[in-house]
Full PDB file with SEQRES, HELIX, SHEET, SSBOND, CRYST1, ORIGX, SCALE, CONECT and MASTER records, all heavy atoms in Angstrom:
SEQRES   1 A   41  LEU SER LEU ALA LEU ILE GLN LYS ILE ILE PRO ILE ASP          
SEQRES   2 A   41  ILE GLU GLU ALA GLU VAL ARG ARG ILE TYR GLU ASN TYR          
SEQRES   3 A   41  ILE ASP THR HIS GLN GLN SER ALA LEU TYR PHE ILE SER          
SEQRES   4 A   41  HIS VAL                                                      
HELIX    1 AA1 LEU A    3  ILE A    9  1                                   7    
HELIX    2 AA2 GLU A   16  HIS A   40  1                                  25    
CRYST1    1.000    1.000    1.000  90.00  90.00  90.00 P 1           1          
ORIGX1      1.000000  0.000000  0.000000        0.00000                         
ORIGX2      0.000000  1.000000  0.000000        0.00000                         
ORIGX3      0.000000  0.000000  1.000000        0.00000                         
SCALE1      1.000000  0.000000  0.000000        0.00000                         
SCALE2      0.000000  1.000000  0.000000        0.00000                         
SCALE3      0.000000  0.000000  1.000000        0.00000                         
ATOM      1  N   LEU A   1     163.884 279.011 227.025  1.00  0.00           N  
ATOM      2  CA  LEU A   1     163.738 279.230 228.464  1.00  0.00           C  
ATOM      3  C   LEU A   1     162.503 280.039 228.754  1.00  0.00           C  
ATOM      4  O   LEU A   1     162.055 280.856 227.907  1.00  0.00           O  
ATOM      5  CB  LEU A   1     164.948 280.011 229.007  1.00  0.00           C  
ATOM      6  CG  LEU A   1     166.256 279.282 229.191  1.00  0.00           C  
ATOM      7  CD1 LEU A   1     167.331 280.236 229.721  1.00  0.00           C  
ATOM      8  CD2 LEU A   1     166.126 278.084 230.116  1.00  0.00           C  
ATOM      9  N   SER A   2     161.952 279.859 229.921  1.00  0.00           N  
ATOM     10  CA  SER A   2     160.798 280.681 230.340  1.00  0.00           C  
ATOM     11  C   SER A   2     161.257 282.104 230.649  1.00  0.00           C  
ATOM     12  O   SER A   2     162.441 282.326 230.934  1.00  0.00           O  
ATOM     13  CB  SER A   2     160.152 280.037 231.587  1.00  0.00           C  
ATOM     14  OG  SER A   2     161.039 280.192 232.682  1.00  0.00           O  
ATOM     15  N   LEU A   3     160.347 283.043 230.636  1.00  0.00           N  
ATOM     16  CA  LEU A   3     160.659 284.416 230.943  1.00  0.00           C  
ATOM     17  C   LEU A   3     161.190 284.555 232.369  1.00  0.00           C  
ATOM     18  O   LEU A   3     162.089 285.357 232.640  1.00  0.00           O  
ATOM     19  CB  LEU A   3     159.466 285.332 230.726  1.00  0.00           C  
ATOM     20  CG  LEU A   3     159.062 285.572 229.266  1.00  0.00           C  
ATOM     21  CD1 LEU A   3     157.786 286.417 229.183  1.00  0.00           C  
ATOM     22  CD2 LEU A   3     160.181 286.243 228.483  1.00  0.00           C  
ATOM     23  N   ALA A   4     160.669 283.760 233.278  1.00  0.00           N  
ATOM     24  CA  ALA A   4     161.126 283.804 234.672  1.00  0.00           C  
ATOM     25  C   ALA A   4     162.604 283.447 234.775  1.00  0.00           C  
ATOM     26  O   ALA A   4     163.346 284.076 235.547  1.00  0.00           O  
ATOM     27  CB  ALA A   4     160.288 282.856 235.537  1.00  0.00           C  
ATOM     28  N   LEU A   5     163.045 282.464 233.985  1.00  0.00           N  
ATOM     29  CA  LEU A   5     164.461 282.079 234.025  1.00  0.00           C  
ATOM     30  C   LEU A   5     165.326 283.104 233.283  1.00  0.00           C  
ATOM     31  O   LEU A   5     166.441 283.364 233.681  1.00  0.00           O  
ATOM     32  CB  LEU A   5     164.641 280.662 233.463  1.00  0.00           C  
ATOM     33  CG  LEU A   5     164.049 279.548 234.300  1.00  0.00           C  
ATOM     34  CD1 LEU A   5     164.247 278.203 233.633  1.00  0.00           C  
ATOM     35  CD2 LEU A   5     164.657 279.529 235.716  1.00  0.00           C  
ATOM     36  N   ILE A   6     164.788 283.662 232.213  1.00  0.00           N  
ATOM     37  CA  ILE A   6     165.549 284.720 231.501  1.00  0.00           C  
ATOM     38  C   ILE A   6     165.781 285.914 232.421  1.00  0.00           C  
ATOM     39  O   ILE A   6     166.848 286.515 232.398  1.00  0.00           O  
ATOM     40  CB  ILE A   6     164.820 285.135 230.201  1.00  0.00           C  
ATOM     41  CG1 ILE A   6     164.796 283.963 229.212  1.00  0.00           C  
ATOM     42  CG2 ILE A   6     165.472 286.359 229.578  1.00  0.00           C  
ATOM     43  CD1 ILE A   6     163.949 284.188 227.968  1.00  0.00           C  
ATOM     44  N   GLN A   7     164.802 286.227 233.279  1.00  0.00           N  
ATOM     45  CA  GLN A   7     164.962 287.335 234.236  1.00  0.00           C  
ATOM     46  C   GLN A   7     166.127 287.094 235.181  1.00  0.00           C  
ATOM     47  O   GLN A   7     166.735 288.043 235.651  1.00  0.00           O  
ATOM     48  CB  GLN A   7     163.674 287.500 235.078  1.00  0.00           C  
ATOM     49  CG  GLN A   7     162.574 288.204 234.336  1.00  0.00           C  
ATOM     50  CD  GLN A   7     161.322 288.287 235.197  1.00  0.00           C  
ATOM     51  OE1 GLN A   7     160.761 287.262 235.588  1.00  0.00           O  
ATOM     52  NE2 GLN A   7     160.879 289.501 235.459  1.00  0.00           N  
ATOM     53  N   LYS A   8     166.433 285.819 235.456  1.00  0.00           N  
ATOM     54  CA  LYS A   8     167.565 285.527 236.324  1.00  0.00           C  
ATOM     55  C   LYS A   8     168.897 285.777 235.605  1.00  0.00           C  
ATOM     56  O   LYS A   8     169.879 286.125 236.218  1.00  0.00           O  
ATOM     57  CB  LYS A   8     167.503 284.083 236.813  1.00  0.00           C  
ATOM     58  CG  LYS A   8     166.357 283.806 237.769  1.00  0.00           C  
ATOM     59  CD  LYS A   8     166.401 282.383 238.259  1.00  0.00           C  
ATOM     60  CE  LYS A   8     165.295 282.208 239.277  1.00  0.00           C  
ATOM     61  NZ  LYS A   8     165.731 281.538 240.471  1.00  0.00           N  
ATOM     62  N   ILE A   9     168.893 285.570 234.293  1.00  0.00           N  
ATOM     63  CA  ILE A   9     170.110 285.787 233.518  1.00  0.00           C  
ATOM     64  C   ILE A   9     170.402 287.267 233.391  1.00  0.00           C  
ATOM     65  O   ILE A   9     171.552 287.697 233.503  1.00  0.00           O  
ATOM     66  CB  ILE A   9     169.952 285.138 232.120  1.00  0.00           C  
ATOM     67  CG1 ILE A   9     169.916 283.604 232.265  1.00  0.00           C  
ATOM     68  CG2 ILE A   9     171.088 285.557 231.170  1.00  0.00           C  
ATOM     69  CD1 ILE A   9     169.573 282.874 230.998  1.00  0.00           C  
ATOM     70  N   ILE A  10     169.344 288.077 233.149  1.00  0.00           N  
ATOM     71  CA  ILE A  10     169.525 289.530 233.031  1.00  0.00           C  
ATOM     72  C   ILE A  10     168.426 290.222 233.827  1.00  0.00           C  
ATOM     73  O   ILE A  10     167.350 290.564 233.300  1.00  0.00           O  
ATOM     74  CB  ILE A  10     169.579 289.987 231.541  1.00  0.00           C  
ATOM     75  CG1 ILE A  10     169.866 291.492 231.466  1.00  0.00           C  
ATOM     76  CG2 ILE A  10     168.365 289.574 230.746  1.00  0.00           C  
ATOM     77  CD1 ILE A  10     170.368 291.971 230.135  1.00  0.00           C  
ATOM     78  N   PRO A  11     168.664 290.413 235.134  1.00  0.00           N  
ATOM     79  CA  PRO A  11     167.646 291.062 235.980  1.00  0.00           C  
ATOM     80  C   PRO A  11     167.363 292.491 235.523  1.00  0.00           C  
ATOM     81  O   PRO A  11     168.151 293.111 234.807  1.00  0.00           O  
ATOM     82  CB  PRO A  11     168.290 291.053 237.361  1.00  0.00           C  
ATOM     83  CG  PRO A  11     169.437 290.097 237.277  1.00  0.00           C  
ATOM     84  CD  PRO A  11     169.887 290.069 235.859  1.00  0.00           C  
ATOM     85  N   ILE A  12     166.228 293.005 235.964  1.00  0.00           N  
ATOM     86  CA  ILE A  12     165.791 294.344 235.505  1.00  0.00           C  
ATOM     87  C   ILE A  12     166.421 295.478 236.318  1.00  0.00           C  
ATOM     88  O   ILE A  12     166.610 296.579 235.828  1.00  0.00           O  
ATOM     89  CB  ILE A  12     164.250 294.439 235.558  1.00  0.00           C  
ATOM     90  CG1 ILE A  12     163.783 295.668 234.790  1.00  0.00           C  
ATOM     91  CG2 ILE A  12     163.729 294.416 236.977  1.00  0.00           C  
ATOM     92  CD1 ILE A  12     162.289 295.765 234.621  1.00  0.00           C  
ATOM     93  N   ASP A  13     166.783 295.210 237.568  1.00  0.00           N  
ATOM     94  CA  ASP A  13     167.210 296.288 238.482  1.00  0.00           C  
ATOM     95  C   ASP A  13     168.727 296.358 238.609  1.00  0.00           C  
ATOM     96  O   ASP A  13     169.276 296.374 239.708  1.00  0.00           O  
ATOM     97  CB  ASP A  13     166.562 296.099 239.870  1.00  0.00           C  
ATOM     98  CG  ASP A  13     166.838 294.701 240.406  1.00  0.00           C  
ATOM     99  OD1 ASP A  13     167.359 293.842 239.668  1.00  0.00           O  
ATOM    100  OD2 ASP A  13     166.491 294.463 241.597  1.00  0.00           O  
ATOM    101  N   ILE A  14     169.426 296.427 237.475  1.00  0.00           N  
ATOM    102  CA  ILE A  14     170.888 296.494 237.501  1.00  0.00           C  
ATOM    103  C   ILE A  14     171.359 297.722 236.702  1.00  0.00           C  
ATOM    104  O   ILE A  14     170.648 298.265 235.871  1.00  0.00           O  
ATOM    105  CB  ILE A  14     171.531 295.229 236.916  1.00  0.00           C  
ATOM    106  CG1 ILE A  14     171.021 294.913 235.521  1.00  0.00           C  
ATOM    107  CG2 ILE A  14     171.314 294.030 237.841  1.00  0.00           C  
ATOM    108  CD1 ILE A  14     171.657 293.717 234.853  1.00  0.00           C  
ATOM    109  N   GLU A  15     172.586 298.155 236.995  1.00  0.00           N  
ATOM    110  CA  GLU A  15     173.152 299.323 236.344  1.00  0.00           C  
ATOM    111  C   GLU A  15     173.490 298.999 234.886  1.00  0.00           C  
ATOM    112  O   GLU A  15     173.679 297.866 234.497  1.00  0.00           O  
ATOM    113  CB  GLU A  15     174.438 299.759 237.054  1.00  0.00           C  
ATOM    114  CG  GLU A  15     174.229 300.195 238.510  1.00  0.00           C  
ATOM    115  CD  GLU A  15     173.454 301.476 238.601  1.00  0.00           C  
ATOM    116  OE1 GLU A  15     173.634 302.364 237.714  1.00  0.00           O  
ATOM    117  OE2 GLU A  15     172.659 301.621 239.554  1.00  0.00           O  
ATOM    118  N   GLU A  16     173.589 300.055 234.069  1.00  0.00           N  
ATOM    119  CA  GLU A  16     173.872 299.865 232.645  1.00  0.00           C  
ATOM    120  C   GLU A  16     175.198 299.154 232.433  1.00  0.00           C  
ATOM    121  O   GLU A  16     175.339 298.334 231.514  1.00  0.00           O  
ATOM    122  CB  GLU A  16     173.851 301.217 231.914  1.00  0.00           C  
ATOM    123  CG  GLU A  16     174.057 301.042 230.415  1.00  0.00           C  
ATOM    124  CD  GLU A  16     173.784 302.295 229.631  1.00  0.00           C  
ATOM    125  OE1 GLU A  16     172.968 303.117 230.040  1.00  0.00           O  
ATOM    126  OE2 GLU A  16     174.435 302.447 228.574  1.00  0.00           O  
ATOM    127  N   ALA A  17     176.198 299.448 233.275  1.00  0.00           N  
ATOM    128  CA  ALA A  17     177.512 298.792 233.126  1.00  0.00           C  
ATOM    129  C   ALA A  17     177.360 297.290 233.292  1.00  0.00           C  
ATOM    130  O   ALA A  17     178.039 296.502 232.596  1.00  0.00           O  
ATOM    131  CB  ALA A  17     178.503 299.354 234.138  1.00  0.00           C  
ATOM    132  N   GLU A  18     176.498 296.869 234.207  1.00  0.00           N  
ATOM    133  CA  GLU A  18     176.283 295.412 234.421  1.00  0.00           C  
ATOM    134  C   GLU A  18     175.494 294.820 233.268  1.00  0.00           C  
ATOM    135  O   GLU A  18     175.760 293.689 232.836  1.00  0.00           O  
ATOM    136  CB  GLU A  18     175.540 295.213 235.741  1.00  0.00           C  
ATOM    137  CG  GLU A  18     175.254 293.775 236.104  1.00  0.00           C  
ATOM    138  CD  GLU A  18     176.499 292.917 236.367  1.00  0.00           C  
ATOM    139  OE1 GLU A  18     177.645 293.437 236.278  1.00  0.00           O  
ATOM    140  OE2 GLU A  18     176.339 291.729 236.626  1.00  0.00           O  
ATOM    141  N   VAL A  19     174.529 295.563 232.704  1.00  0.00           N  
ATOM    142  CA  VAL A  19     173.800 295.090 231.535  1.00  0.00           C  
ATOM    143  C   VAL A  19     174.792 294.872 230.393  1.00  0.00           C  
ATOM    144  O   VAL A  19     174.746 293.857 229.686  1.00  0.00           O  
ATOM    145  CB  VAL A  19     172.699 296.097 231.090  1.00  0.00           C  
ATOM    146  CG1 VAL A  19     172.074 295.660 229.765  1.00  0.00           C  
ATOM    147  CG2 VAL A  19     171.639 296.224 232.176  1.00  0.00           C  
ATOM    148  N   ARG A  20     175.702 295.824 230.216  1.00  0.00           N  
ATOM    149  CA  ARG A  20     176.705 295.718 229.154  1.00  0.00           C  
ATOM    150  C   ARG A  20     177.557 294.482 229.349  1.00  0.00           C  
ATOM    151  O   ARG A  20     177.807 293.719 228.404  1.00  0.00           O  
ATOM    152  CB  ARG A  20     177.574 296.965 229.094  1.00  0.00           C  
ATOM    153  CG  ARG A  20     178.644 296.864 228.040  1.00  0.00           C  
ATOM    154  CD  ARG A  20     179.468 298.143 227.913  1.00  0.00           C  
ATOM    155  NE  ARG A  20     180.429 297.992 226.823  1.00  0.00           N  
ATOM    156  CZ  ARG A  20     181.082 298.995 226.295  1.00  0.00           C  
ATOM    157  NH1 ARG A  20     180.886 300.240 226.739  1.00  0.00           N  
ATOM    158  NH2 ARG A  20     181.956 298.797 225.318  1.00  0.00           N  
ATOM    159  N   ARG A  21     178.018 294.239 230.589  1.00  0.00           N  
ATOM    160  CA  ARG A  21     178.854 293.065 230.871  1.00  0.00           C  
ATOM    161  C   ARG A  21     178.117 291.776 230.556  1.00  0.00           C  
ATOM    162  O   ARG A  21     178.650 290.880 229.890  1.00  0.00           O  
ATOM    163  CB  ARG A  21     179.294 293.082 232.333  1.00  0.00           C  
ATOM    164  CG  ARG A  21     180.286 291.965 232.702  1.00  0.00           C  
ATOM    165  CD  ARG A  21     180.464 291.817 234.200  1.00  0.00           C  
ATOM    166  NE  ARG A  21     179.233 291.337 234.825  1.00  0.00           N  
ATOM    167  CZ  ARG A  21     178.820 290.072 234.807  1.00  0.00           C  
ATOM    168  NH1 ARG A  21     179.487 289.156 234.139  1.00  0.00           N  
ATOM    169  NH2 ARG A  21     177.696 289.728 235.419  1.00  0.00           N  
ATOM    170  N   ILE A  22     176.860 291.675 230.990  1.00  0.00           N  
ATOM    171  CA  ILE A  22     176.054 290.471 230.743  1.00  0.00           C  
ATOM    172  C   ILE A  22     175.837 290.302 229.223  1.00  0.00           C  
ATOM    173  O   ILE A  22     175.982 289.213 228.697  1.00  0.00           O  
ATOM    174  CB  ILE A  22     174.697 290.573 231.474  1.00  0.00           C  
ATOM    175  CG1 ILE A  22     174.916 290.470 232.972  1.00  0.00           C  
ATOM    176  CG2 ILE A  22     173.737 289.494 230.996  1.00  0.00           C  
ATOM    177  CD1 ILE A  22     173.691 290.805 233.807  1.00  0.00           C  
ATOM    178  N   TYR A  23     175.529 291.400 228.534  1.00  0.00           N  
ATOM    179  CA  TYR A  23     175.262 291.334 227.108  1.00  0.00           C  
ATOM    180  C   TYR A  23     176.513 290.904 226.345  1.00  0.00           C  
ATOM    181  O   TYR A  23     176.450 290.036 225.463  1.00  0.00           O  
ATOM    182  CB  TYR A  23     174.768 292.680 226.583  1.00  0.00           C  
ATOM    183  CG  TYR A  23     174.496 292.636 225.098  1.00  0.00           C  
ATOM    184  CD1 TYR A  23     173.345 292.031 224.618  1.00  0.00           C  
ATOM    185  CD2 TYR A  23     175.419 293.148 224.189  1.00  0.00           C  
ATOM    186  CE1 TYR A  23     173.094 291.960 223.222  1.00  0.00           C  
ATOM    187  CE2 TYR A  23     175.190 293.067 222.827  1.00  0.00           C  
ATOM    188  CZ  TYR A  23     174.031 292.486 222.348  1.00  0.00           C  
ATOM    189  OH  TYR A  23     173.815 292.389 221.014  1.00  0.00           O  
ATOM    190  N   GLU A  24     177.665 291.482 226.681  1.00  0.00           N  
ATOM    191  CA  GLU A  24     178.888 291.141 225.965  1.00  0.00           C  
ATOM    192  C   GLU A  24     179.259 289.666 226.203  1.00  0.00           C  
ATOM    193  O   GLU A  24     179.719 288.988 225.269  1.00  0.00           O  
ATOM    194  CB  GLU A  24     180.042 292.086 226.364  1.00  0.00           C  
ATOM    195  CG  GLU A  24     179.827 293.475 225.787  1.00  0.00           C  
ATOM    196  CD  GLU A  24     180.866 294.488 226.195  1.00  0.00           C  
ATOM    197  OE1 GLU A  24     181.527 294.281 227.231  1.00  0.00           O  
ATOM    198  OE2 GLU A  24     181.001 295.506 225.488  1.00  0.00           O  
ATOM    199  N   ASN A  25     179.081 289.191 227.424  1.00  0.00           N  
ATOM    200  CA  ASN A  25     179.322 287.766 227.703  1.00  0.00           C  
ATOM    201  C   ASN A  25     178.349 286.906 226.919  1.00  0.00           C  
ATOM    202  O   ASN A  25     178.699 285.840 226.396  1.00  0.00           O  
ATOM    203  CB  ASN A  25     179.195 287.454 229.200  1.00  0.00           C  
ATOM    204  CG  ASN A  25     180.398 287.955 229.993  1.00  0.00           C  
ATOM    205  OD1 ASN A  25     181.457 288.208 229.431  1.00  0.00           O  
ATOM    206  ND2 ASN A  25     180.206 288.112 231.281  1.00  0.00           N  
ATOM    207  N   TYR A  26     177.093 287.368 226.814  1.00  0.00           N  
ATOM    208  CA  TYR A  26     176.067 286.611 226.140  1.00  0.00           C  
ATOM    209  C   TYR A  26     176.365 286.463 224.647  1.00  0.00           C  
ATOM    210  O   TYR A  26     176.229 285.387 224.074  1.00  0.00           O  
ATOM    211  CB  TYR A  26     174.684 287.259 226.329  1.00  0.00           C  
ATOM    212  CG  TYR A  26     173.594 286.497 225.629  1.00  0.00           C  
ATOM    213  CD1 TYR A  26     173.130 285.309 226.137  1.00  0.00           C  
ATOM    214  CD2 TYR A  26     173.062 286.970 224.430  1.00  0.00           C  
ATOM    215  CE1 TYR A  26     172.149 284.570 225.460  1.00  0.00           C  
ATOM    216  CE2 TYR A  26     172.062 286.275 223.774  1.00  0.00           C  
ATOM    217  CZ  TYR A  26     171.624 285.073 224.299  1.00  0.00           C  
ATOM    218  OH  TYR A  26     170.664 284.350 223.625  1.00  0.00           O  
ATOM    219  N   ILE A  27     176.775 287.558 223.991  1.00  0.00           N  
ATOM    220  CA  ILE A  27     177.028 287.445 222.556  1.00  0.00           C  
ATOM    221  C   ILE A  27     178.231 286.537 222.273  1.00  0.00           C  
ATOM    222  O   ILE A  27     178.226 285.816 221.268  1.00  0.00           O  
ATOM    223  CB  ILE A  27     177.161 288.817 221.843  1.00  0.00           C  
ATOM    224  CG1 ILE A  27     178.344 289.619 222.373  1.00  0.00           C  
ATOM    225  CG2 ILE A  27     175.874 289.609 221.980  1.00  0.00           C  
ATOM    226  CD1 ILE A  27     178.617 290.891 221.552  1.00  0.00           C  
ATOM    227  N   ASP A  28     179.240 286.530 223.147  1.00  0.00           N  
ATOM    228  CA  ASP A  28     180.353 285.591 222.982  1.00  0.00           C  
ATOM    229  C   ASP A  28     179.902 284.168 223.123  1.00  0.00           C  
ATOM    230  O   ASP A  28     180.233 283.283 222.328  1.00  0.00           O  
ATOM    231  CB  ASP A  28     181.465 285.887 224.020  1.00  0.00           C  
ATOM    232  CG  ASP A  28     182.208 287.178 223.735  1.00  0.00           C  
ATOM    233  OD1 ASP A  28     182.110 287.692 222.590  1.00  0.00           O  
ATOM    234  OD2 ASP A  28     182.864 287.688 224.661  1.00  0.00           O  
ATOM    235  N   THR A  29     179.064 283.923 224.148  1.00  0.00           N  
ATOM    236  CA  THR A  29     178.543 282.564 224.379  1.00  0.00           C  
ATOM    237  C   THR A  29     177.637 282.141 223.230  1.00  0.00           C  
ATOM    238  O   THR A  29     177.678 280.991 222.793  1.00  0.00           O  
ATOM    239  CB  THR A  29     177.751 282.528 225.707  1.00  0.00           C  
ATOM    240  OG1 THR A  29     178.631 282.925 226.761  1.00  0.00           O  
ATOM    241  CG2 THR A  29     177.217 281.152 225.985  1.00  0.00           C  
ATOM    242  N   HIS A  30     176.841 283.076 222.713  1.00  0.00           N  
ATOM    243  CA  HIS A  30     175.936 282.770 221.583  1.00  0.00           C  
ATOM    244  C   HIS A  30     176.746 282.319 220.384  1.00  0.00           C  
ATOM    245  O   HIS A  30     176.403 281.302 219.748  1.00  0.00           O  
ATOM    246  CB  HIS A  30     175.119 284.024 221.261  1.00  0.00           C  
ATOM    247  CG  HIS A  30     173.971 283.796 220.338  1.00  0.00           C  
ATOM    248  ND1 HIS A  30     174.166 283.677 218.972  1.00  0.00           N  
ATOM    249  CD2 HIS A  30     172.658 283.649 220.559  1.00  0.00           C  
ATOM    250  CE1 HIS A  30     172.985 283.450 218.396  1.00  0.00           C  
ATOM    251  NE2 HIS A  30     172.067 283.432 219.340  1.00  0.00           N  
ATOM    252  N   GLN A  31     177.847 283.013 220.095  1.00  0.00           N  
ATOM    253  CA  GLN A  31     178.648 282.645 218.921  1.00  0.00           C  
ATOM    254  C   GLN A  31     179.344 281.299 219.124  1.00  0.00           C  
ATOM    255  O   GLN A  31     179.352 280.460 218.222  1.00  0.00           O  
ATOM    256  CB  GLN A  31     179.675 283.751 218.664  1.00  0.00           C  
ATOM    257  CG  GLN A  31     180.380 283.577 217.310  1.00  0.00           C  
ATOM    258  CD  GLN A  31     181.032 284.862 216.850  1.00  0.00           C  
ATOM    259  OE1 GLN A  31     181.435 285.685 217.646  1.00  0.00           O  
ATOM    260  NE2 GLN A  31     181.139 285.039 215.555  1.00  0.00           N  
ATOM    261  N   GLN A  32     179.884 281.065 220.320  1.00  0.00           N  
ATOM    262  CA  GLN A  32     180.546 279.780 220.597  1.00  0.00           C  
ATOM    263  C   GLN A  32     179.525 278.635 220.523  1.00  0.00           C  
ATOM    264  O   GLN A  32     179.806 277.553 220.003  1.00  0.00           O  
ATOM    265  CB  GLN A  32     181.197 279.784 221.973  1.00  0.00           C  
ATOM    266  CG  GLN A  32     182.431 280.669 222.066  1.00  0.00           C  
ATOM    267  CD  GLN A  32     183.478 280.325 221.003  1.00  0.00           C  
ATOM    268  OE1 GLN A  32     183.823 279.155 220.843  1.00  0.00           O  
ATOM    269  NE2 GLN A  32     183.938 281.303 220.273  1.00  0.00           N  
ATOM    270  N   SER A  33     178.314 278.885 221.037  1.00  0.00           N  
ATOM    271  CA  SER A  33     177.264 277.861 220.971  1.00  0.00           C  
ATOM    272  C   SER A  33     176.851 277.550 219.559  1.00  0.00           C  
ATOM    273  O   SER A  33     176.580 276.405 219.197  1.00  0.00           O  
ATOM    274  CB  SER A  33     176.040 278.312 221.790  1.00  0.00           C  
ATOM    275  OG  SER A  33     176.382 278.528 223.137  1.00  0.00           O  
ATOM    276  N   ALA A  34     176.802 278.579 218.708  1.00  0.00           N  
ATOM    277  CA  ALA A  34     176.462 278.360 217.303  1.00  0.00           C  
ATOM    278  C   ALA A  34     177.494 277.479 216.624  1.00  0.00           C  
ATOM    279  O   ALA A  34     177.174 276.559 215.844  1.00  0.00           O  
ATOM    280  CB  ALA A  34     176.331 279.694 216.572  1.00  0.00           C  
ATOM    281  N   LEU A  35     178.795 277.720 216.929  1.00  0.00           N  
ATOM    282  CA  LEU A  35     179.840 276.889 216.336  1.00  0.00           C  
ATOM    283  C   LEU A  35     179.773 275.466 216.852  1.00  0.00           C  
ATOM    284  O   LEU A  35     179.959 274.506 216.092  1.00  0.00           O  
ATOM    285  CB  LEU A  35     181.211 277.512 216.655  1.00  0.00           C  
ATOM    286  CG  LEU A  35     181.492 278.898 216.032  1.00  0.00           C  
ATOM    287  CD1 LEU A  35     182.826 279.433 216.490  1.00  0.00           C  
ATOM    288  CD2 LEU A  35     181.419 278.818 214.513  1.00  0.00           C  
ATOM    289  N   TYR A  36     179.448 275.280 218.134  1.00  0.00           N  
ATOM    290  CA  TYR A  36     179.284 273.928 218.679  1.00  0.00           C  
ATOM    291  C   TYR A  36     178.102 273.233 217.996  1.00  0.00           C  
ATOM    292  O   TYR A  36     178.173 272.076 217.623  1.00  0.00           O  
ATOM    293  CB  TYR A  36     179.057 273.972 220.190  1.00  0.00           C  
ATOM    294  CG  TYR A  36     178.571 272.642 220.709  1.00  0.00           C  
ATOM    295  CD1 TYR A  36     179.473 271.604 220.885  1.00  0.00           C  
ATOM    296  CD2 TYR A  36     177.229 272.404 220.971  1.00  0.00           C  
ATOM    297  CE1 TYR A  36     179.034 270.356 221.335  1.00  0.00           C  
ATOM    298  CE2 TYR A  36     176.807 271.176 221.414  1.00  0.00           C  
ATOM    299  CZ  TYR A  36     177.703 270.159 221.594  1.00  0.00           C  
ATOM    300  OH  TYR A  36     177.281 268.928 222.018  1.00  0.00           O  
ATOM    301  N   PHE A  37     177.022 273.986 217.822  1.00  0.00           N  
ATOM    302  CA  PHE A  37     175.825 273.448 217.172  1.00  0.00           C  
ATOM    303  C   PHE A  37     176.143 272.963 215.747  1.00  0.00           C  
ATOM    304  O   PHE A  37     175.708 271.873 215.329  1.00  0.00           O  
ATOM    305  CB  PHE A  37     174.732 274.519 217.138  1.00  0.00           C  
ATOM    306  CG  PHE A  37     173.519 274.114 216.371  1.00  0.00           C  
ATOM    307  CD1 PHE A  37     172.588 273.218 216.909  1.00  0.00           C  
ATOM    308  CD2 PHE A  37     173.262 274.629 215.106  1.00  0.00           C  
ATOM    309  CE1 PHE A  37     171.456 272.857 216.189  1.00  0.00           C  
ATOM    310  CE2 PHE A  37     172.130 274.275 214.402  1.00  0.00           C  
ATOM    311  CZ  PHE A  37     171.239 273.375 214.948  1.00  0.00           C  
ATOM    312  N   ILE A  38     176.907 273.754 215.018  1.00  0.00           N  
ATOM    313  CA  ILE A  38     177.315 273.360 213.668  1.00  0.00           C  
ATOM    314  C   ILE A  38     178.066 272.014 213.691  1.00  0.00           C  
ATOM    315  O   ILE A  38     177.791 271.115 212.884  1.00  0.00           O  
ATOM    316  CB  ILE A  38     178.209 274.459 213.028  1.00  0.00           C  
ATOM    317  CG1 ILE A  38     177.394 275.695 212.718  1.00  0.00           C  
ATOM    318  CG2 ILE A  38     178.906 273.947 211.749  1.00  0.00           C  
ATOM    319  CD1 ILE A  38     178.210 276.905 212.354  1.00  0.00           C  
ATOM    320  N   SER A  39     179.009 271.880 214.623  1.00  0.00           N  
ATOM    321  CA  SER A  39     179.772 270.619 214.686  1.00  0.00           C  
ATOM    322  C   SER A  39     178.863 269.448 215.082  1.00  0.00           C  
ATOM    323  O   SER A  39     179.030 268.336 214.566  1.00  0.00           O  
ATOM    324  CB  SER A  39     180.946 270.742 215.676  1.00  0.00           C  
ATOM    325  OG  SER A  39     180.481 270.937 216.990  1.00  0.00           O  
ATOM    326  N   HIS A  40     177.882 269.714 215.916  1.00  0.00           N  
ATOM    327  CA  HIS A  40     176.914 268.684 216.309  1.00  0.00           C  
ATOM    328  C   HIS A  40     176.107 268.222 215.086  1.00  0.00           C  
ATOM    329  O   HIS A  40     175.930 267.015 214.865  1.00  0.00           O  
ATOM    330  CB  HIS A  40     175.988 269.262 217.395  1.00  0.00           C  
ATOM    331  CG  HIS A  40     174.780 268.444 217.649  1.00  0.00           C  
ATOM    332  ND1 HIS A  40     174.753 267.359 218.469  1.00  0.00           N  
ATOM    333  CD2 HIS A  40     173.504 268.578 217.175  1.00  0.00           C  
ATOM    334  CE1 HIS A  40     173.533 266.835 218.499  1.00  0.00           C  
ATOM    335  NE2 HIS A  40     172.753 267.570 217.697  1.00  0.00           N  
ATOM    336  N   VAL A  41     175.594 269.158 214.309  1.00  0.00           N  
ATOM    337  CA  VAL A  41     174.814 268.826 213.131  1.00  0.00           C  
ATOM    338  C   VAL A  41     175.668 268.055 212.105  1.00  0.00           C  
ATOM    339  O   VAL A  41     175.218 267.084 211.502  1.00  0.00           O  
ATOM    340  CB  VAL A  41     174.178 270.084 212.499  1.00  0.00           C  
ATOM    341  CG1 VAL A  41     173.497 269.759 211.168  1.00  0.00           C  
ATOM    342  CG2 VAL A  41     173.179 270.721 213.447  1.00  0.00           C  
TER     343      VAL A  41                                                      
MASTER        0    0    0    2    0    0    0    6  342    1    0    4          
END                                                                             
């Protein structure tokens, strides 16, 4: 993704609690995507 689109996923002007929520959702999605990728390969 371009940096402009990444900024939409995790904007700069948000509270730490919101950064944590986004990050925790992201790592769960990252792991599920990796498992899907494995099945695809």
